């Protein structure tokens, strides 16, 4: 997964070793995900290539394609030669988190394509790679809600890729990175490390896609709220009532009535004498 134009389909073709996904510099990506399967030595590899995530909300439609499938590794693809991150990056990361759950980032390998770039003047290649990686990881952690205390639980390893036909090769014909590392075997090694890191694979079901019910979000706090109301509100009112009774405190209207009766008002006396005439 990743934004459009970052080299997802080209990376799929490089891993499989054949052209299974159409790639063109002058055509937009397909609108639907595509899955290819290859079996060798009794091992089956299923790869799902997704369209570019132009809008963060579009990930939900792709998640429905993954319904009832199990994700062992998510390759989050971006370009090494991208110098700036923007709000779209964070929106895409949040959309992936909302649709597939935060745990998906435990099964994620970050892949940076266009790895044979020439860094800007005055910057060493390794220094540029470190800066670019840290910038991207910062956005992923922010969008996925990964706190500093959770960094160890979400290692987010990074692998480099160069899919260009002009990529340099070694004596065995394998495409290599600037430091001479054959990048496809190295990518597969990193994928194997993620698969065996001890975290659970992500099974995509309808509940995962729909996410938590917002109506149930605060239900667990209802007993606590009721307890607070009882101890601080109800008990407070009871204490005030008991205090008024013990102090003989009366309401204003009741006090005025008692004062009026006690003052010997002639009107009240006349009414009283008319009701009880002398014999």
Protein backbone atom coordinates (compact mmCIF):
# COMPACT_ATOMS: atom_id res chain seq x y z
CA UNK A 1 0.00 0.00 0.00
CA UNK A 2 0.98 3.63 -0.44
CA UNK A 3 0.29 6.73 -2.46
CA UNK A 4 0.12 6.70 -6.24
CA UNK A 5 3.29 6.79 -8.31
CA UNK A 6 5.64 5.50 -5.63
CA UNK A 7 6.51 2.19 -7.35
CA UNK A 8 4.20 -0.38 -5.76
CA UNK A 9 3.40 -2.28 -8.97
CA UNK A 10 7.02 -2.14 -10.15
CA UNK A 11 8.13 -3.62 -6.83
CA UNK A 12 5.61 -6.46 -7.24
CA UNK A 13 7.02 -7.19 -10.70
CA UNK A 14 10.57 -7.20 -9.32
CA UNK A 15 9.69 -9.61 -6.49
CA UNK A 16 7.86 -12.05 -8.77
CA UNK A 17 10.43 -11.72 -11.54
CA UNK A 18 7.88 -11.11 -14.27
CA UNK A 19 5.45 -8.46 -15.43
CA UNK A 20 2.24 -9.24 -13.54
CA UNK A 21 1.19 -5.63 -12.97
CA UNK A 22 0.90 -3.07 -15.74
CA UNK A 23 3.25 -0.16 -15.23
CA UNK A 24 3.40 2.96 -17.38
CA UNK A 25 4.84 6.38 -16.69
CA UNK A 26 2.04 7.99 -18.72
CA UNK A 27 -0.99 6.06 -17.45
CA UNK A 28 -2.81 6.21 -14.15
CA UNK A 29 -2.91 3.20 -11.88
CA UNK A 30 -5.77 0.71 -11.93
CA UNK A 31 -8.84 1.37 -9.86
CA UNK A 32 -9.03 -2.07 -8.24
CA UNK A 33 -6.54 -4.17 -6.26
CA UNK A 34 -4.87 -7.08 -8.04
CA UNK A 35 -3.62 -10.34 -6.52
CA UNK A 36 -0.99 -12.63 -7.97
CA UNK A 37 0.12 -16.00 -6.60
CA UNK A 38 3.28 -17.97 -7.24
CA UNK A 39 4.29 -21.36 -5.82
CA UNK A 40 7.84 -22.63 -5.56
CA UNK A 41 9.29 -25.50 -3.52
CA UNK A 42 5.92 -26.06 -1.87
CA UNK A 43 5.66 -22.44 -0.72
CA UNK A 44 2.88 -20.17 -2.02
CA UNK A 45 3.38 -16.41 -2.12
CA UNK A 46 0.28 -14.23 -2.53
CA UNK A 47 0.89 -10.56 -3.30
CA UNK A 48 -1.90 -7.98 -3.46
CA UNK A 49 -1.10 -4.81 -5.38
CA UNK A 50 -3.37 -1.90 -4.45
CA UNK A 51 -4.09 1.33 -6.36
CA UNK A 52 -2.53 4.53 -5.10
CA UNK A 53 -4.25 5.97 -2.07
CA UNK A 54 -5.11 9.40 -3.43
CA UNK A 55 -7.54 10.03 -0.59
CA UNK A 56 -7.26 8.60 2.87
CA UNK A 57 -10.87 7.39 2.90
CA UNK A 58 -10.32 5.27 -0.24
CA UNK A 59 -8.46 2.69 1.83
CA UNK A 60 -11.78 1.41 3.19
CA UNK A 61 -12.80 0.23 -0.31
CA UNK A 62 -9.48 -1.59 -0.67
CA UNK A 63 -9.95 -3.16 2.75
CA UNK A 64 -13.19 -4.73 1.49
CA UNK A 65 -11.15 -6.45 -1.24
CA UNK A 66 -9.08 -7.97 1.58
CA UNK A 67 -12.17 -9.26 3.39
CA UNK A 68 -11.60 -12.74 4.89
CA UNK A 69 -7.94 -12.67 3.86
CA UNK A 70 -4.94 -12.80 6.19
CA UNK A 71 -2.16 -10.23 5.96
CA UNK A 72 1.25 -11.60 6.94
CA UNK A 73 3.20 -8.53 5.83
CA UNK A 74 2.20 -5.04 4.75
CA UNK A 75 4.70 -3.38 2.43
CA UNK A 76 4.18 0.35 2.92
CA UNK A 77 5.81 1.84 -0.17
CA UNK A 78 7.13 5.37 -0.63
CA UNK A 79 9.91 7.03 -2.58
CA UNK A 80 13.35 7.66 -1.18
CA UNK A 81 13.74 10.77 -3.34
CA UNK A 82 10.70 12.51 -1.82
CA UNK A 83 11.98 15.46 0.14
CA UNK A 84 8.81 16.55 1.92
CA UNK A 85 5.94 14.93 3.77
CA UNK A 86 2.48 16.48 3.74
CA UNK A 87 -0.96 16.00 5.25
CA UNK A 88 -1.87 13.38 2.62
CA UNK A 89 0.80 11.07 4.01
CA UNK A 90 -0.68 11.30 7.48
CA UNK A 91 -4.23 10.88 6.15
CA UNK A 92 -3.25 7.68 4.33
CA UNK A 93 -1.49 6.30 7.40
CA UNK A 94 -4.49 7.06 9.60
CA UNK A 95 -6.84 5.49 7.06
CA UNK A 96 -4.78 2.28 7.04
CA UNK A 97 -4.81 2.25 10.83
CA UNK A 98 -8.56 2.84 11.03
CA UNK A 99 -9.36 0.12 8.48
CA UNK A 100 -6.83 -2.58 9.41
CA UNK A 101 -6.15 -1.77 13.04
CA UNK A 102 -3.09 -0.39 14.80
CA UNK A 103 -1.59 -3.89 14.99
CA UNK A 104 -1.01 -3.84 11.21
CA UNK A 105 2.09 -1.72 11.83
CA UNK A 106 3.67 -4.61 13.73
CA UNK A 107 3.50 -6.54 10.46
CA UNK A 108 4.79 -3.69 8.29
CA UNK A 109 7.95 -3.32 6.26
CA UNK A 110 8.59 0.17 4.90
CA UNK A 111 9.94 0.03 1.33
CA UNK A 112 11.67 3.07 -0.16
CA UNK A 113 11.90 2.94 -3.95
CA UNK A 114 14.15 4.92 -6.35
CA UNK A 115 17.05 3.96 -4.11
CA UNK A 116 19.74 4.76 -6.71
CA UNK A 117 19.18 8.48 -6.38
CA UNK A 118 21.93 11.05 -6.14
CA UNK A 119 21.41 12.96 -2.87
CA UNK A 120 21.54 16.77 -2.83
CA UNK A 121 24.95 18.40 -2.88
CA UNK A 122 26.72 18.36 0.44
CA UNK A 123 24.73 15.43 1.85
CA UNK A 124 26.11 11.91 2.11
CA UNK A 125 23.88 9.09 0.80
CA UNK A 126 23.65 7.36 4.17
CA UNK A 127 22.91 10.65 5.91
CA UNK A 128 20.15 11.43 3.42
CA UNK A 129 18.70 7.92 3.87
CA UNK A 130 18.69 8.34 7.65
CA UNK A 131 16.95 11.72 7.46
CA UNK A 132 14.36 10.52 4.96
CA UNK A 133 13.66 7.38 6.97
CA UNK A 134 13.26 9.29 10.23
CA UNK A 135 10.89 11.79 8.60
CA UNK A 136 8.67 9.01 7.24
CA UNK A 137 8.71 7.00 10.46
CA UNK A 138 7.72 10.10 12.40
CA UNK A 139 4.63 10.50 10.21
CA UNK A 140 3.76 6.81 10.49
CA UNK A 141 4.01 6.88 14.29
CA UNK A 142 1.93 10.03 14.46
CA UNK A 143 -0.77 8.81 12.06
CA UNK A 144 -0.91 5.36 13.67
CA UNK A 145 -0.98 6.70 17.23
CA UNK A 146 2.26 4.95 18.24
CA UNK A 147 3.68 6.55 21.40
CA UNK A 148 7.36 6.67 22.34
CA UNK A 149 6.89 3.90 24.87
CA UNK A 150 5.58 1.66 22.08
CA UNK A 151 8.51 2.10 19.68
CA UNK A 152 9.95 -1.28 20.67
CA UNK A 153 6.62 -2.98 19.87
CA UNK A 154 6.47 -1.34 16.42
CA UNK A 155 10.01 -1.62 14.98
CA UNK A 156 9.01 -0.54 11.43
CA UNK A 157 12.07 -1.83 9.55
CA UNK A 158 13.06 -0.19 6.25
CA UNK A 159 14.22 -1.80 3.00
CA UNK A 160 15.38 -0.15 -0.23
CA UNK A 161 14.28 -0.95 -3.78
CA UNK A 162 15.35 0.16 -7.25
CA UNK A 163 13.03 -1.09 -9.99
CA UNK A 164 14.51 0.86 -12.90
CA UNK A 165 15.90 -1.09 -15.84
CA UNK A 166 18.98 1.11 -15.52
CA UNK A 167 19.70 -0.21 -12.03
CA UNK A 168 23.28 -1.40 -11.65
CA UNK A 169 23.87 -5.13 -11.38
CA UNK A 170 26.61 -7.29 -9.91
CA UNK A 171 28.56 -10.05 -11.62
CA UNK A 172 25.61 -12.41 -11.10
CA UNK A 173 23.18 -10.04 -12.80
CA UNK A 174 21.37 -9.14 -9.57
CA UNK A 175 20.20 -5.55 -9.18
CA UNK A 176 22.23 -3.81 -6.49
CA UNK A 177 21.97 -0.75 -4.27
CA UNK A 178 24.67 1.95 -4.18
CA UNK A 179 26.50 0.02 -1.44
CA UNK A 180 26.54 -3.13 -3.60
CA UNK A 181 23.76 -4.99 -1.74
CA UNK A 182 21.47 -7.09 -4.01
CA UNK A 183 18.20 -5.44 -3.05
CA UNK A 184 15.66 -8.15 -4.00
CA UNK A 185 17.22 -10.89 -1.79
CA UNK A 186 17.63 -8.29 0.95
CA UNK A 187 13.96 -7.29 0.63
CA UNK A 188 12.87 -10.93 0.91
CA UNK A 189 15.09 -11.36 3.97
CA UNK A 190 13.45 -8.34 5.63
CA UNK A 191 10.00 -9.72 4.78
CA UNK A 192 10.95 -13.02 6.44
CA UNK A 193 12.09 -11.16 9.56
CA UNK A 194 8.73 -9.36 9.80
CA UNK A 195 6.82 -12.63 9.33
CA UNK A 196 8.74 -14.27 12.17
CA UNK A 197 8.81 -11.32 14.60
CA UNK A 198 6.29 -12.97 16.94
CA UNK A 199 3.33 -10.70 16.22
CA UNK A 200 0.04 -12.07 14.91
CA UNK A 201 -0.98 -11.93 11.28
CA UNK A 202 -3.94 -9.67 10.59
CA UNK A 203 -7.16 -11.43 9.60
CA UNK A 204 -9.43 -8.97 7.81
CA UNK A 205 -13.07 -9.44 8.79
CA UNK A 206 -16.09 -7.15 8.58
CA UNK A 207 -15.71 -6.07 12.19
CA UNK A 208 -12.15 -4.94 11.54
CA UNK A 209 -13.18 -2.94 8.46
CA UNK A 210 -16.15 -1.30 10.19
CA UNK A 211 -14.07 -0.38 13.22
CA UNK A 212 -15.37 0.12 16.76
CA UNK A 213 -18.97 1.23 17.28
CA UNK A 214 -18.80 4.88 18.40
CA UNK A 215 -21.99 4.35 20.44
CA UNK A 216 -20.13 1.85 22.61
CA UNK A 217 -17.06 4.01 23.11
CA UNK A 218 -18.10 5.52 26.45
CA UNK A 219 -20.28 2.70 27.82
CA UNK A 220 -17.50 1.35 30.01
CA UNK A 221 -17.39 4.68 31.84
CA UNK A 222 -21.10 4.68 32.77
CA UNK A 223 -20.63 2.91 36.17
CA UNK A 224 -17.87 5.36 37.09
CA UNK A 225 -20.03 8.35 36.12
CA UNK A 226 -22.97 7.01 38.16
CA UNK A 227 -20.71 6.46 41.16
CA UNK A 228 -19.38 10.02 40.93
CA UNK A 229 -22.91 11.37 40.69
CA UNK A 230 -24.00 9.38 43.74
CA UNK A 231 -21.11 10.29 46.02
CA UNK A 232 -20.68 13.92 45.01
CA UNK A 233 -24.20 14.99 43.96
CA UNK A 234 -26.82 12.81 45.66
CA UNK A 235 -24.96 12.56 48.96
CA UNK A 236 -24.28 16.29 48.86
CA UNK A 237 -27.98 17.06 48.49
CA UNK A 238 -28.85 14.69 51.32
CA UNK A 239 -26.31 16.32 53.63
CA UNK A 240 -27.73 19.76 52.82
CA UNK A 241 -31.30 18.61 53.58
CA UNK A 242 -30.31 17.03 56.89
CA UNK A 243 -28.36 20.14 57.81
CA UNK A 244 -31.37 22.38 57.13
CA UNK A 245 -33.64 20.16 59.22
CA UNK A 246 -31.25 20.00 62.16
CA UNK A 247 -30.68 23.76 62.09
CA UNK A 248 -34.41 24.46 61.84
CA UNK A 249 -33.87 26.43 58.68
CA UNK A 250 -37.10 27.29 56.85
CA UNK A 251 -37.84 28.50 53.38
CA UNK A 252 -38.58 32.23 53.04
CA UNK A 253 -42.27 31.70 52.29
CA UNK A 254 -42.70 29.41 55.29
CA UNK A 255 -40.90 31.85 57.59
CA UNK A 256 -43.06 34.76 56.41
CA UNK A 257 -46.22 32.69 57.03
CA UNK A 258 -45.15 31.81 60.56
CA UNK A 259 -44.24 35.42 61.29
CA UNK A 260 -47.63 36.54 60.00
CA UNK A 261 -49.53 34.06 62.18
CA UNK A 262 -47.42 34.76 65.20
CA UNK A 263 -47.85 38.56 64.94
CA UNK A 264 -51.60 38.38 65.80
CA UNK A 265 -52.84 39.72 62.51
CA UNK A 266 -56.44 41.04 63.05
CA UNK A 267 -57.58 39.59 59.77
CA UNK A 268 -56.58 36.13 60.90
CA UNK A 269 -58.21 36.70 64.30
CA UNK A 270 -61.51 37.85 62.73
CA UNK A 271 -61.58 34.81 60.49
CA UNK A 272 -60.90 32.60 63.44
CA UNK A 273 -63.65 34.18 65.63
CA UNK A 274 -66.22 33.95 62.84
CA UNK A 275 -65.58 30.27 62.49
CA UNK A 276 -65.91 29.71 66.28
CA UNK A 277 -68.73 31.98 67.62
CA UNK A 278 -69.30 32.08 71.33
CA UNK A 279 -72.26 30.16 72.66
